[in-house]
Amino acid sequence: MRHTTSALAALVATVWTDPGKARAVDRPALTRPAHPQQWLRAMTSAQSGDLSESNRTQTLALYGAPVLVLAR
């Protein structure tokens, strides 16, 4: 498989461990365009902590960041 590099065109992108790890409360972060402020406001502290504790997300990427595209 050939990988390519690109630059992130969104203001912010969440890098999920697996698409199946998203919860109903995460829906605003999964839309196009994403609504990160709505997503953050909707989560409780426990839900926010669960993003890392349950290995749901890996990191956030910001506009213009170089990314390695593994699949399209």
N, C-alpha and C. Protein backbone atom coordinates (compact mmCIF):
# COMPACT_ATOMS: atom_id res chain seq x y z
N MET A 1 0.84 -1.18 0.00
CA MET A 1 0.00 0.00 0.00
C MET A 1 0.89 1.24 0.00
N ARG A 2 0.58 2.16 -0.85
CA ARG A 2 1.33 3.41 -0.93
C ARG A 2 0.69 4.46 -0.04
N HIS A 3 1.49 5.08 0.80
CA HIS A 3 1.01 6.14 1.69
C HIS A 3 1.45 7.48 1.13
N THR A 4 0.63 8.49 1.34
CA THR A 4 0.97 9.82 0.89
C THR A 4 0.92 10.78 2.08
N THR A 5 1.57 11.92 1.93
CA THR A 5 1.50 12.94 2.96
C THR A 5 0.63 14.08 2.44
N SER A 6 0.00 14.76 3.36
CA SER A 6 -0.88 15.87 3.02
C SER A 6 -0.86 16.84 4.19
N ALA A 7 -1.62 17.92 4.07
CA ALA A 7 -1.77 18.88 5.17
C ALA A 7 -3.23 18.89 5.58
N LEU A 8 -3.48 18.96 6.87
CA LEU A 8 -4.84 18.96 7.39
C LEU A 8 -5.57 20.21 6.93
N ALA A 9 -6.76 20.05 6.36
CA ALA A 9 -7.53 21.18 5.84
C ALA A 9 -8.64 21.62 6.80
N ALA A 10 -8.85 20.89 7.89
CA ALA A 10 -9.85 21.26 8.89
C ALA A 10 -9.20 22.07 10.00
N LEU A 11 -9.99 22.87 10.72
CA LEU A 11 -9.41 23.64 11.83
C LEU A 11 -8.85 22.72 12.90
N VAL A 12 -9.56 21.65 13.20
CA VAL A 12 -9.10 20.67 14.18
C VAL A 12 -9.69 19.31 13.81
N ALA A 13 -8.93 18.27 14.02
CA ALA A 13 -9.40 16.91 13.74
C ALA A 13 -9.01 16.00 14.89
N THR A 14 -9.96 15.18 15.31
CA THR A 14 -9.70 14.20 16.35
C THR A 14 -9.24 12.92 15.68
N VAL A 15 -8.16 12.35 16.17
CA VAL A 15 -7.66 11.08 15.64
C VAL A 15 -8.19 9.98 16.57
N TRP A 16 -9.15 9.21 16.06
CA TRP A 16 -9.79 8.15 16.82
C TRP A 16 -8.98 6.87 16.72
N THR A 17 -8.98 6.10 17.81
CA THR A 17 -8.30 4.80 17.81
C THR A 17 -8.98 3.86 16.83
N ASP A 18 -10.30 3.89 16.81
CA ASP A 18 -11.10 3.03 15.95
C ASP A 18 -12.45 3.71 15.75
N PRO A 19 -13.01 3.69 14.54
CA PRO A 19 -14.30 4.36 14.33
C PRO A 19 -15.40 3.83 15.26
N GLY A 20 -15.32 2.60 15.66
CA GLY A 20 -16.33 2.00 16.54
C GLY A 20 -16.25 2.47 17.98
N LYS A 21 -15.22 3.22 18.33
CA LYS A 21 -15.05 3.71 19.70
C LYS A 21 -15.85 4.98 19.99
N ALA A 22 -16.41 5.61 18.95
CA ALA A 22 -17.19 6.83 19.15
C ALA A 22 -18.51 6.49 19.83
N ARG A 23 -18.97 7.42 20.69
CA ARG A 23 -20.22 7.26 21.42
C ARG A 23 -21.25 8.25 20.89
N ALA A 24 -22.49 8.13 21.32
CA ALA A 24 -23.54 9.06 20.87
C ALA A 24 -23.17 10.50 21.21
N VAL A 25 -22.56 10.73 22.37
CA VAL A 25 -22.18 12.09 22.78
C VAL A 25 -21.09 12.67 21.86
N ASP A 26 -20.40 11.82 21.13
CA ASP A 26 -19.32 12.26 20.23
C ASP A 26 -19.82 12.71 18.86
N ARG A 27 -21.10 12.57 18.60
CA ARG A 27 -21.64 12.87 17.27
C ARG A 27 -21.25 14.26 16.74
N PRO A 28 -21.28 15.34 17.57
CA PRO A 28 -20.88 16.65 17.03
C PRO A 28 -19.43 16.69 16.53
N ALA A 29 -18.59 15.82 17.03
CA ALA A 29 -17.19 15.78 16.59
C ALA A 29 -17.04 14.98 15.30
N LEU A 30 -18.07 14.25 14.92
CA LEU A 30 -17.98 13.36 13.75
C LEU A 30 -18.66 13.92 12.52
N THR A 31 -19.35 15.03 12.66
CA THR A 31 -20.05 15.61 11.52
C THR A 31 -19.07 16.38 10.63
N ARG A 32 -19.53 16.71 9.44
CA ARG A 32 -18.70 17.50 8.53
C ARG A 32 -19.49 18.72 8.11
N PRO A 33 -19.20 19.89 8.58
CA PRO A 33 -18.04 20.19 9.43
C PRO A 33 -18.29 19.74 10.88
N ALA A 34 -17.23 19.53 11.59
CA ALA A 34 -17.31 19.14 12.99
C ALA A 34 -17.70 20.35 13.84
N HIS A 35 -18.24 20.07 15.00
CA HIS A 35 -18.66 21.12 15.93
C HIS A 35 -17.99 20.86 17.28
N PRO A 36 -16.68 21.13 17.38
CA PRO A 36 -15.95 20.78 18.60
C PRO A 36 -16.45 21.50 19.85
N GLN A 37 -16.87 22.74 19.75
CA GLN A 37 -17.36 23.44 20.95
C GLN A 37 -18.65 22.80 21.46
N GLN A 38 -19.54 22.45 20.57
CA GLN A 38 -20.79 21.78 20.95
C GLN A 38 -20.46 20.43 21.59
N TRP A 39 -19.51 19.71 21.02
CA TRP A 39 -19.10 18.41 21.54
C TRP A 39 -18.55 18.54 22.96
N LEU A 40 -17.66 19.49 23.16
CA LEU A 40 -17.05 19.65 24.48
C LEU A 40 -18.08 20.09 25.53
N ARG A 41 -19.01 20.96 25.14
CA ARG A 41 -20.04 21.41 26.08
C ARG A 41 -21.00 20.28 26.47
N ALA A 42 -21.23 19.34 25.56
CA ALA A 42 -22.19 18.26 25.79
C ALA A 42 -21.64 17.17 26.71
N MET A 43 -20.33 17.06 26.81
CA MET A 43 -19.72 15.99 27.60
C MET A 43 -19.61 16.34 29.08
N THR A 44 -19.85 15.34 29.92
CA THR A 44 -19.56 15.48 31.34
C THR A 44 -18.06 15.29 31.54
N SER A 45 -17.57 15.60 32.72
CA SER A 45 -16.15 15.38 33.02
C SER A 45 -15.80 13.91 32.88
N ALA A 46 -16.68 13.03 33.30
CA ALA A 46 -16.43 11.59 33.19
C ALA A 46 -16.35 11.16 31.73
N GLN A 47 -17.23 11.69 30.88
CA GLN A 47 -17.21 11.35 29.46
C GLN A 47 -15.94 11.87 28.80
N SER A 48 -15.52 13.05 29.18
CA SER A 48 -14.29 13.62 28.63
C SER A 48 -13.09 12.77 29.03
N GLY A 49 -13.00 12.38 30.29
CA GLY A 49 -11.91 11.54 30.75
C GLY A 49 -11.91 10.18 30.08
N ASP A 50 -13.09 9.70 29.75
CA ASP A 50 -13.23 8.39 29.11
C ASP A 50 -12.60 8.35 27.71
N LEU A 51 -12.43 9.52 27.08
CA LEU A 51 -11.80 9.55 25.76
C LEU A 51 -10.41 8.92 25.80
N SER A 52 -9.66 9.21 26.85
CA SER A 52 -8.31 8.63 26.96
C SER A 52 -8.31 7.34 27.78
N GLU A 53 -9.11 7.30 28.85
CA GLU A 53 -9.13 6.12 29.71
C GLU A 53 -9.59 4.87 28.98
N SER A 54 -10.50 5.02 28.04
CA SER A 54 -11.00 3.88 27.26
C SER A 54 -10.32 3.79 25.89
N ASN A 55 -9.24 4.56 25.72
CA ASN A 55 -8.46 4.52 24.48
C ASN A 55 -9.32 4.80 23.25
N ARG A 56 -10.22 5.79 23.37
CA ARG A 56 -11.08 6.16 22.25
C ARG A 56 -10.35 7.04 21.24
N THR A 57 -9.58 8.00 21.74
CA THR A 57 -8.87 8.92 20.85
C THR A 57 -7.38 8.86 21.10
N GLN A 58 -6.61 9.26 20.08
CA GLN A 58 -5.16 9.25 20.17
C GLN A 58 -4.58 10.64 20.34
N THR A 59 -5.09 11.59 19.56
CA THR A 59 -4.56 12.96 19.58
C THR A 59 -5.49 13.88 18.81
N LEU A 60 -5.17 15.14 18.79
CA LEU A 60 -5.85 16.12 17.95
C LEU A 60 -4.83 16.67 16.96
N ALA A 61 -5.28 16.98 15.77
CA ALA A 61 -4.42 17.60 14.76
C ALA A 61 -5.02 18.96 14.40
N LEU A 62 -4.16 19.93 14.18
CA LEU A 62 -4.61 21.29 13.88
C LEU A 62 -4.39 21.65 12.42
N TYR A 63 -5.11 22.66 11.96
CA TYR A 63 -5.05 23.12 10.57
C TYR A 63 -3.61 23.27 10.10
N GLY A 64 -3.33 22.70 8.93
CA GLY A 64 -2.03 22.82 8.30
C GLY A 64 -1.02 21.79 8.77
N ALA A 65 -1.37 20.99 9.78
CA ALA A 65 -0.43 19.99 10.28
C ALA A 65 -0.18 18.92 9.21
N PRO A 66 1.06 18.50 9.05
CA PRO A 66 1.33 17.42 8.10
C PRO A 66 0.74 16.11 8.61
N VAL A 67 0.11 15.35 7.73
CA VAL A 67 -0.47 14.06 8.11
C VAL A 67 -0.07 13.00 7.09
N LEU A 68 0.02 11.78 7.54
CA LEU A 68 0.28 10.65 6.68
C LEU A 68 -1.06 9.99 6.35
N VAL A 69 -1.42 9.95 5.09
CA VAL A 69 -2.70 9.38 4.67
C VAL A 69 -2.50 7.89 4.40
N LEU A 70 -3.16 7.06 5.22
CA LEU A 70 -3.02 5.61 5.10
C LEU A 70 -4.05 5.01 4.15
N ALA A 71 -5.25 5.61 4.10
CA ALA A 71 -6.32 5.11 3.22
C ALA A 71 -7.27 6.25 2.92
N ARG A 72 -7.97 6.12 1.83
CA ARG A 72 -9.00 7.13 1.46
C ARG A 72 -10.31 6.45 1.24
